[in-house]
N, C-alpha and C. Protein backbone atom coordinates (compact mmCIF):
# COMPACT_ATOMS: atom_id res chain seq x y z
N UNK A 1 85.04 114.64 103.71
CA UNK A 1 85.39 114.31 102.19
C UNK A 1 85.67 112.91 101.85
N UNK A 2 86.31 112.30 102.68
CA UNK A 2 86.57 110.86 102.52
C UNK A 2 85.45 109.94 102.37
N UNK A 3 84.50 110.13 103.24
CA UNK A 3 83.30 109.34 103.27
C UNK A 3 82.24 109.82 102.40
N UNK A 4 82.24 110.87 101.81
CA UNK A 4 81.25 111.44 101.02
C UNK A 4 80.86 110.53 99.73
N UNK A 5 81.94 110.17 98.98
CA UNK A 5 81.66 109.26 97.84
C UNK A 5 80.96 107.99 98.34
N UNK A 6 81.18 107.42 99.37
CA UNK A 6 80.58 106.13 99.86
C UNK A 6 79.13 106.48 100.21
N UNK A 7 78.99 107.61 100.81
CA UNK A 7 77.49 108.09 101.08
C UNK A 7 76.63 108.31 99.69
N UNK A 8 77.28 108.93 98.75
CA UNK A 8 76.66 108.98 97.42
C UNK A 8 76.44 107.83 96.79
N UNK A 9 77.25 106.80 96.91
CA UNK A 9 77.02 105.51 96.26
C UNK A 9 75.84 104.83 96.87
N UNK A 10 75.65 105.10 98.27
CA UNK A 10 74.49 104.41 98.90
C UNK A 10 73.21 104.94 98.34
N UNK A 11 73.17 106.22 97.88
CA UNK A 11 71.88 106.79 97.32
C UNK A 11 71.56 105.88 96.02
N UNK A 12 72.53 105.45 95.25
CA UNK A 12 72.32 104.62 94.04
C UNK A 12 72.12 103.14 94.33
N UNK A 13 72.85 102.71 95.33
CA UNK A 13 72.82 101.27 95.58
C UNK A 13 71.70 100.69 96.13
N UNK A 14 71.00 101.50 97.04
CA UNK A 14 69.73 101.00 97.63
C UNK A 14 68.60 100.58 96.71
N UNK A 15 68.22 101.39 95.74
CA UNK A 15 67.29 100.94 94.87
C UNK A 15 67.61 99.93 94.02
N UNK A 16 68.91 99.73 93.55
CA UNK A 16 69.31 98.70 92.81
C UNK A 16 69.39 97.39 93.55
N UNK A 17 69.78 97.49 94.85
CA UNK A 17 69.76 96.22 95.73
C UNK A 17 68.35 95.77 95.80
N UNK A 18 67.31 96.75 95.92
CA UNK A 18 65.91 96.29 96.05
C UNK A 18 65.45 95.72 94.81
N UNK A 19 65.88 96.05 93.73
CA UNK A 19 65.53 95.39 92.37
C UNK A 19 66.07 94.00 92.25
N UNK A 20 67.36 93.99 92.66
CA UNK A 20 68.10 92.69 92.57
C UNK A 20 67.51 91.74 93.54
N UNK A 21 67.11 92.15 94.76
CA UNK A 21 66.39 91.28 95.63
C UNK A 21 65.02 90.68 95.03
N UNK A 22 64.40 91.56 94.34
CA UNK A 22 63.08 91.05 93.69
C UNK A 22 63.45 90.08 92.67
N UNK A 23 64.50 90.03 91.96
CA UNK A 23 64.95 89.30 90.84
C UNK A 23 65.62 87.96 91.45
N UNK A 24 66.47 88.08 92.42
CA UNK A 24 67.39 87.10 92.73
C UNK A 24 67.06 86.47 94.19
N UNK A 25 66.35 87.12 95.09
CA UNK A 25 66.16 86.74 96.43
C UNK A 25 67.39 87.23 97.29
N UNK A 26 67.41 86.67 98.49
CA UNK A 26 68.32 87.07 99.50
C UNK A 26 69.69 86.40 99.30
N UNK A 27 69.81 85.26 98.90
CA UNK A 27 70.98 84.43 99.01
C UNK A 27 72.22 85.18 98.38
N UNK A 28 72.09 85.41 97.14
CA UNK A 28 73.16 85.98 96.40
C UNK A 28 73.67 87.38 96.85
N UNK A 29 72.60 88.12 97.16
CA UNK A 29 72.87 89.44 97.73
C UNK A 29 73.59 89.43 99.09
N UNK A 30 73.16 88.43 99.91
CA UNK A 30 73.81 88.37 101.23
C UNK A 30 75.17 87.88 101.16
N UNK A 31 75.43 86.92 100.21
CA UNK A 31 76.82 86.39 100.08
C UNK A 31 77.79 87.40 99.44
N UNK A 32 77.25 88.12 98.45
CA UNK A 32 78.09 89.25 97.85
C UNK A 32 78.21 90.29 98.76
N UNK A 33 77.19 90.74 99.31
CA UNK A 33 77.52 91.79 100.30
C UNK A 33 78.40 91.56 101.45
N UNK A 34 78.21 90.44 101.95
CA UNK A 34 79.02 89.94 103.05
C UNK A 34 80.67 89.85 102.57
N UNK A 35 80.69 89.39 101.43
CA UNK A 35 82.21 89.24 100.86
C UNK A 35 82.84 90.64 100.63
N UNK A 36 82.00 91.46 100.11
CA UNK A 36 82.47 92.87 99.91
C UNK A 36 82.79 93.51 101.28
N UNK A 37 81.88 93.25 102.25
CA UNK A 37 82.16 93.83 103.53
C UNK A 37 83.50 93.49 104.15
N UNK A 38 83.78 92.13 103.96
CA UNK A 38 84.94 91.55 104.48
C UNK A 38 86.17 92.14 103.73
N UNK A 39 86.14 92.18 102.44
CA UNK A 39 87.16 92.71 101.63
C UNK A 39 87.53 94.20 102.00
N UNK A 40 86.41 94.95 102.15
CA UNK A 40 86.60 96.43 102.44
C UNK A 40 87.20 96.63 103.90
N UNK A 41 86.72 95.82 104.80
CA UNK A 41 87.23 95.98 106.17
C UNK A 41 88.58 95.49 106.39
N UNK A 42 88.98 94.42 105.64
CA UNK A 42 90.37 93.87 105.65
C UNK A 42 91.23 94.88 105.08
N UNK A 43 90.95 95.39 103.94
CA UNK A 43 91.75 96.52 103.24
C UNK A 43 91.96 97.72 104.16
N UNK A 44 91.00 98.07 105.01
CA UNK A 44 91.16 99.12 105.96
C UNK A 44 91.94 98.85 107.15
N UNK A 45 92.19 97.57 107.34
CA UNK A 45 92.94 97.10 108.61
C UNK A 45 94.38 97.21 108.32
N UNK A 46 94.90 97.54 107.14
CA UNK A 46 96.25 97.62 106.76
C UNK A 46 96.72 98.99 106.31
N UNK A 47 96.13 100.02 106.76
CA UNK A 47 96.37 101.38 106.44
C UNK A 47 97.75 101.97 107.04
N UNK A 48 98.39 102.63 106.22
CA UNK A 48 99.62 103.25 106.85
C UNK A 48 99.48 104.73 106.58
N UNK A 49 100.47 105.57 107.20
CA UNK A 49 100.41 106.95 106.86
C UNK A 49 100.68 107.29 105.32
N UNK A 50 101.28 106.33 104.69
CA UNK A 50 101.60 106.45 103.17
C UNK A 50 100.53 105.98 102.41
N UNK A 51 99.34 105.38 102.86
CA UNK A 51 98.40 104.85 102.17
C UNK A 51 97.77 106.02 101.24
N UNK A 52 97.66 105.92 99.88
CA UNK A 52 96.94 107.01 99.22
C UNK A 52 95.45 107.25 99.60
N UNK A 53 95.18 108.38 99.58
CA UNK A 53 93.81 108.81 100.10
C UNK A 53 92.79 108.13 99.10
N UNK A 54 92.90 108.03 97.91
CA UNK A 54 92.22 107.40 96.88
C UNK A 54 91.85 105.91 97.19
N UNK A 55 92.85 105.29 97.72
CA UNK A 55 92.75 103.91 98.11
C UNK A 55 91.82 103.70 99.36
N UNK A 56 91.95 104.71 100.33
CA UNK A 56 91.07 104.75 101.50
C UNK A 56 89.60 104.97 101.07
N UNK A 57 89.32 105.95 100.13
CA UNK A 57 88.00 106.27 99.59
C UNK A 57 87.43 105.00 98.93
N UNK A 58 88.21 104.37 98.17
CA UNK A 58 87.86 103.11 97.39
C UNK A 58 87.35 102.14 98.27
N UNK A 59 88.11 101.76 99.38
CA UNK A 59 87.76 100.74 100.35
C UNK A 59 86.55 101.26 101.17
N UNK A 60 86.35 102.34 101.40
CA UNK A 60 85.13 102.78 102.01
C UNK A 60 83.81 102.80 101.10
N UNK A 61 84.06 103.02 99.86
CA UNK A 61 82.98 102.88 98.95
C UNK A 61 82.68 101.41 98.74
N UNK A 62 83.58 100.52 98.84
CA UNK A 62 83.32 99.09 98.67
C UNK A 62 82.56 98.66 99.97
N UNK A 63 82.86 99.17 101.16
CA UNK A 63 82.05 98.94 102.48
C UNK A 63 80.59 99.44 102.22
N UNK A 64 80.40 100.51 101.86
CA UNK A 64 79.12 101.11 101.56
C UNK A 64 78.25 100.35 100.61
N UNK A 65 78.82 99.95 99.61
CA UNK A 65 78.22 99.12 98.55
C UNK A 65 77.74 97.75 99.28
N UNK A 66 78.63 97.19 100.17
CA UNK A 66 78.22 96.09 100.88
C UNK A 66 77.06 96.32 101.87
N UNK A 67 77.09 97.49 102.53
CA UNK A 67 75.94 97.86 103.53
C UNK A 67 74.81 97.87 102.68
N UNK A 68 74.78 98.45 101.46
CA UNK A 68 73.65 98.79 100.69
C UNK A 68 72.99 97.29 100.20
N UNK A 69 74.03 96.48 99.79
CA UNK A 69 73.54 95.17 99.17
C UNK A 69 72.98 94.30 100.27
N UNK A 70 73.43 94.48 101.58
CA UNK A 70 72.93 93.49 102.55
C UNK A 70 71.77 94.06 103.42
N UNK A 71 71.97 95.25 103.96
CA UNK A 71 70.97 95.73 104.91
C UNK A 71 69.56 95.87 104.51
N UNK A 72 69.22 96.59 103.34
CA UNK A 72 67.94 96.75 103.03
C UNK A 72 67.32 95.45 102.53
N UNK A 73 67.89 94.65 101.65
CA UNK A 73 67.22 93.38 101.33
C UNK A 73 67.18 92.42 102.42
N UNK A 74 68.03 92.40 103.47
CA UNK A 74 67.89 91.58 104.58
C UNK A 74 66.82 92.02 105.48
N UNK A 75 66.51 93.34 105.68
CA UNK A 75 65.56 93.81 106.37
C UNK A 75 64.10 93.47 105.72
N UNK A 76 64.08 93.61 104.31
CA UNK A 76 62.86 93.28 103.61
C UNK A 76 62.61 91.82 103.70
N UNK A 77 63.66 90.94 103.56
CA UNK A 77 63.37 89.59 103.65
C UNK A 77 62.91 89.21 105.11
N UNK A 78 63.46 89.79 106.19
CA UNK A 78 62.90 89.46 107.50
C UNK A 78 61.52 89.91 107.68
N UNK A 79 61.20 91.18 107.18
CA UNK A 79 59.71 91.52 107.33
C UNK A 79 58.85 90.84 106.48
N UNK A 80 59.25 90.29 105.38
CA UNK A 80 58.44 89.55 104.56
C UNK A 80 58.02 88.27 105.10
N UNK A 81 58.70 87.71 106.07
CA UNK A 81 58.49 86.40 106.62
C UNK A 81 57.56 86.49 107.90
N UNK A 82 57.06 87.76 108.25
CA UNK A 82 56.37 88.02 109.28
C UNK A 82 54.90 88.14 108.97
N UNK A 83 53.92 87.80 109.79
CA UNK A 83 52.54 87.93 109.73
C UNK A 83 52.26 89.48 109.49
N UNK A 84 51.25 89.80 108.73
CA UNK A 84 51.10 91.26 108.44
C UNK A 84 50.69 91.96 109.75
N UNK A 85 49.85 91.27 110.69
CA UNK A 85 49.52 91.90 111.96
C UNK A 85 50.81 92.12 112.77
N UNK A 86 51.90 91.59 112.54
CA UNK A 86 53.08 91.88 113.43
C UNK A 86 54.07 92.84 112.71
N UNK A 87 53.74 93.36 111.56
CA UNK A 87 54.69 94.13 110.88
C UNK A 87 55.11 95.51 111.72
N UNK A 88 54.18 96.14 112.38
CA UNK A 88 54.52 97.34 112.97
C UNK A 88 55.48 96.84 114.35
N UNK A 89 55.19 95.80 114.89
CA UNK A 89 56.13 95.35 115.99
C UNK A 89 57.55 94.90 115.45
N UNK A 90 57.49 94.25 114.40
CA UNK A 90 58.66 93.91 113.69
C UNK A 90 59.59 95.02 113.25
N UNK A 91 58.97 96.04 112.71
CA UNK A 91 59.57 97.26 112.24
C UNK A 91 60.25 98.05 113.42
N UNK A 92 59.54 98.13 114.50
CA UNK A 92 60.14 98.74 115.77
C UNK A 92 61.26 97.97 116.40
N UNK A 93 61.08 96.53 116.43
CA UNK A 93 62.18 95.82 117.02
C UNK A 93 63.33 95.84 116.09
N UNK A 94 63.20 95.76 114.76
CA UNK A 94 64.33 95.91 113.92
C UNK A 94 65.08 97.16 113.92
N UNK A 95 64.27 98.38 114.10
CA UNK A 95 64.83 99.60 114.34
C UNK A 95 65.61 99.72 115.54
N UNK A 96 65.11 99.31 116.48
CA UNK A 96 65.54 99.30 117.87
C UNK A 96 66.96 98.34 118.05
N UNK A 97 66.81 97.20 117.51
CA UNK A 97 68.05 96.36 117.50
C UNK A 97 69.15 96.87 116.65
N UNK A 98 68.83 97.57 115.53
CA UNK A 98 69.90 98.04 114.61
C UNK A 98 70.54 99.21 115.34
N UNK A 99 69.97 100.11 116.02
CA UNK A 99 70.42 101.22 116.76
C UNK A 99 71.25 100.64 118.07
N UNK A 100 70.61 99.67 118.73
CA UNK A 100 71.49 99.18 119.90
C UNK A 100 72.71 98.52 119.46
N UNK A 101 72.63 97.75 118.47
CA UNK A 101 73.87 97.10 117.87
C UNK A 101 74.80 97.99 117.35
N UNK A 102 74.40 99.08 116.53
CA UNK A 102 75.33 100.06 116.21
C UNK A 102 76.02 100.84 117.25
N UNK A 103 75.21 101.05 118.38
CA UNK A 103 75.95 101.80 119.48
C UNK A 103 76.98 100.90 120.25
N UNK A 104 76.59 99.71 120.31
CA UNK A 104 77.46 98.73 121.05
C UNK A 104 78.77 98.50 120.20
N UNK A 105 78.52 98.23 118.86
CA UNK A 105 79.60 98.19 117.97
C UNK A 105 80.56 99.25 117.88
N UNK A 106 80.01 100.46 117.83
CA UNK A 106 80.71 101.71 117.93
C UNK A 106 81.61 101.79 119.23
N UNK A 107 80.97 101.55 120.29
CA UNK A 107 81.78 101.70 121.66
C UNK A 107 82.81 100.69 121.69
N UNK A 108 82.48 99.29 121.31
CA UNK A 108 83.50 98.35 121.39
C UNK A 108 84.88 98.75 120.39
N UNK A 109 84.53 99.10 119.28
CA UNK A 109 85.62 99.31 118.34
C UNK A 109 86.38 100.71 118.59
N UNK A 110 85.58 101.68 119.10
CA UNK A 110 86.36 102.90 119.41
C UNK A 110 87.19 102.62 120.71
N UNK A 111 86.72 101.77 121.61
CA UNK A 111 87.50 101.42 122.79
C UNK A 111 88.70 100.50 122.27
N UNK A 112 88.51 99.62 121.38
CA UNK A 112 89.65 98.92 120.98
C UNK A 112 90.64 99.79 120.31
N UNK A 113 90.33 100.75 119.43
CA UNK A 113 91.19 101.64 118.73
C UNK A 113 91.85 102.56 119.82
N UNK A 114 91.13 102.97 120.83
CA UNK A 114 91.81 103.84 121.82
C UNK A 114 92.86 103.15 122.62
N UNK A 115 92.43 101.98 122.92
CA UNK A 115 93.36 101.17 123.85
C UNK A 115 94.76 100.86 123.19
N UNK A 116 94.52 100.48 121.72
CA UNK A 116 95.65 100.14 121.09
C UNK A 116 96.46 101.43 120.76
N UNK A 117 95.79 102.48 120.44
CA UNK A 117 96.53 103.78 120.18
C UNK A 117 97.28 104.40 121.38
N UNK A 118 96.84 104.05 122.62
CA UNK A 118 97.51 104.52 123.73
C UNK A 118 98.83 103.94 124.00
N UNK A 119 99.15 102.85 123.33
CA UNK A 119 100.37 102.24 123.50
C UNK A 119 101.15 102.15 122.12
N UNK A 120 100.59 102.74 121.10
CA UNK A 120 101.14 102.71 119.77
C UNK A 120 100.81 103.96 118.90
N UNK A 121 100.90 104.00 117.76
CA UNK A 121 100.51 105.11 116.92
C UNK A 121 99.07 104.92 116.63
N UNK A 122 98.46 106.15 116.41
CA UNK A 122 96.86 106.25 116.22
C UNK A 122 96.50 105.33 115.06
N UNK A 123 97.30 105.30 114.04
CA UNK A 123 96.95 104.47 112.85
C UNK A 123 96.88 103.04 113.27
N UNK A 124 97.74 102.50 114.20
CA UNK A 124 97.60 101.16 114.78
C UNK A 124 96.25 100.94 115.38
N UNK A 125 95.78 101.90 116.15
CA UNK A 125 94.41 101.76 116.81
C UNK A 125 93.35 101.63 115.74
N UNK A 126 93.47 102.49 114.78
CA UNK A 126 92.48 102.33 113.61
C UNK A 126 92.57 100.95 113.02
N UNK A 127 93.76 100.61 112.61
CA UNK A 127 93.89 99.14 112.11
C UNK A 127 93.44 98.13 112.88
N UNK A 128 93.61 98.27 114.23
CA UNK A 128 93.13 97.19 115.24
C UNK A 128 91.58 97.19 115.25
N UNK A 129 91.02 98.38 115.09
CA UNK A 129 89.45 98.56 115.17
C UNK A 129 88.95 97.75 113.81
N UNK A 130 89.59 98.19 112.67
CA UNK A 130 89.10 97.48 111.40
C UNK A 130 89.40 95.98 111.46
N UNK A 131 90.47 95.57 112.02
CA UNK A 131 90.79 94.05 112.21
C UNK A 131 89.58 93.46 112.97
N UNK A 132 89.07 94.05 114.05
CA UNK A 132 88.06 93.53 114.76
C UNK A 132 86.71 93.58 113.96
N UNK A 133 86.52 94.69 113.12
CA UNK A 133 85.31 94.70 112.30
C UNK A 133 85.32 93.65 111.23
N UNK A 134 86.56 93.32 110.83
CA UNK A 134 86.78 92.28 109.95
C UNK A 134 86.46 90.93 110.40
N UNK A 135 86.77 90.70 111.69
CA UNK A 135 86.39 89.42 112.30
C UNK A 135 84.79 89.32 112.33
N UNK A 136 84.19 90.47 112.67
CA UNK A 136 82.76 90.32 112.60
C UNK A 136 82.29 90.10 111.18
N UNK A 137 82.82 90.80 110.23
CA UNK A 137 82.35 90.65 108.81
C UNK A 137 82.73 89.17 108.45
N UNK A 138 83.72 88.54 108.85
CA UNK A 138 84.04 87.14 108.51
C UNK A 138 83.00 86.19 108.98
N UNK A 139 82.60 86.49 110.32
CA UNK A 139 81.52 85.78 110.89
C UNK A 139 80.20 85.88 110.12
N UNK A 140 79.90 87.18 109.70
CA UNK A 140 78.70 87.41 108.75
C UNK A 140 78.88 86.66 107.59
N UNK A 141 80.02 86.60 106.93
CA UNK A 141 80.20 85.77 105.62
C UNK A 141 79.94 84.41 105.94
N UNK A 142 80.51 83.80 107.03
CA UNK A 142 80.22 82.44 107.28
C UNK A 142 78.69 82.06 107.56
N UNK A 143 78.11 83.02 108.20
CA UNK A 143 76.67 82.90 108.53
C UNK A 143 75.92 82.93 107.17
N UNK A 144 76.32 83.90 106.18
CA UNK A 144 75.67 83.92 104.86
C UNK A 144 76.03 82.53 104.10
N UNK A 145 77.11 81.98 104.20
CA UNK A 145 77.46 80.79 103.49
C UNK A 145 76.52 79.67 103.96
N UNK A 146 76.45 79.66 105.36
CA UNK A 146 75.64 78.55 105.98
C UNK A 146 74.07 78.71 105.69
N UNK A 147 73.74 79.98 105.60
CA UNK A 147 72.24 80.18 105.23
C UNK A 147 72.05 79.83 103.75
N UNK A 148 72.97 80.31 102.97
CA UNK A 148 72.81 80.20 101.47
C UNK A 148 72.83 78.69 101.08
N UNK A 149 73.74 77.89 101.92
CA UNK A 149 73.94 76.47 101.50
C UNK A 149 72.98 75.56 102.31
N UNK A 150 72.18 75.97 103.11
CA UNK A 150 71.31 75.23 103.93
C UNK A 150 70.03 75.04 103.31
N UNK A 151 69.57 73.89 102.86
CA UNK A 151 68.23 73.81 102.30
C UNK A 151 67.15 73.85 103.28
N UNK A 152 67.40 73.58 104.62
CA UNK A 152 66.45 73.63 105.58
C UNK A 152 66.06 74.97 105.98
N UNK A 153 66.93 76.07 105.63
CA UNK A 153 66.56 77.44 105.97
C UNK A 153 65.61 77.93 104.88
N UNK A 154 64.36 78.49 105.30
CA UNK A 154 63.42 78.94 104.32
C UNK A 154 63.90 80.34 103.68
N UNK A 155 64.52 80.43 102.77
CA UNK A 155 64.98 81.64 102.09
C UNK A 155 64.48 81.80 100.81
N UNK A 156 64.04 82.98 100.37
CA UNK A 156 63.59 83.18 98.92
C UNK A 156 64.97 83.21 98.12
N UNK A 157 64.83 82.71 96.89
CA UNK A 157 65.88 82.92 95.95
C UNK A 157 66.77 81.78 96.02
């Protein structure tokens, strides 16, 4: 029930992000999505047992908006820079890397959460995992700022 609103938002944000990508290019979307991801993850890093459920839902929705604003346009941008003859290979590699990275990330952050929760409350483990995810989101934002501000990087928009 907590994650359903975020999933529903994704249904609407993906086509909107596609239209925004066509109008604005990747730079603004990548920066905005990365900033939203960092904000959502940081917010989820400070949960307590008294945190209102509506606040948790709101932060998760923000994260899902960030995913929608970043993932599809970034994949489209990456695929558009490839030769047409390599599109099938690029699609396969992108799907494989996304799956592998997701699996590794899940394993790392569940392990972090479990190890912290073994010596503290479970909410502390969850907060530690989201703090780790926030560090990754901060690195993503720095990467977005670097790409967006670097005229040597060939990016549309």
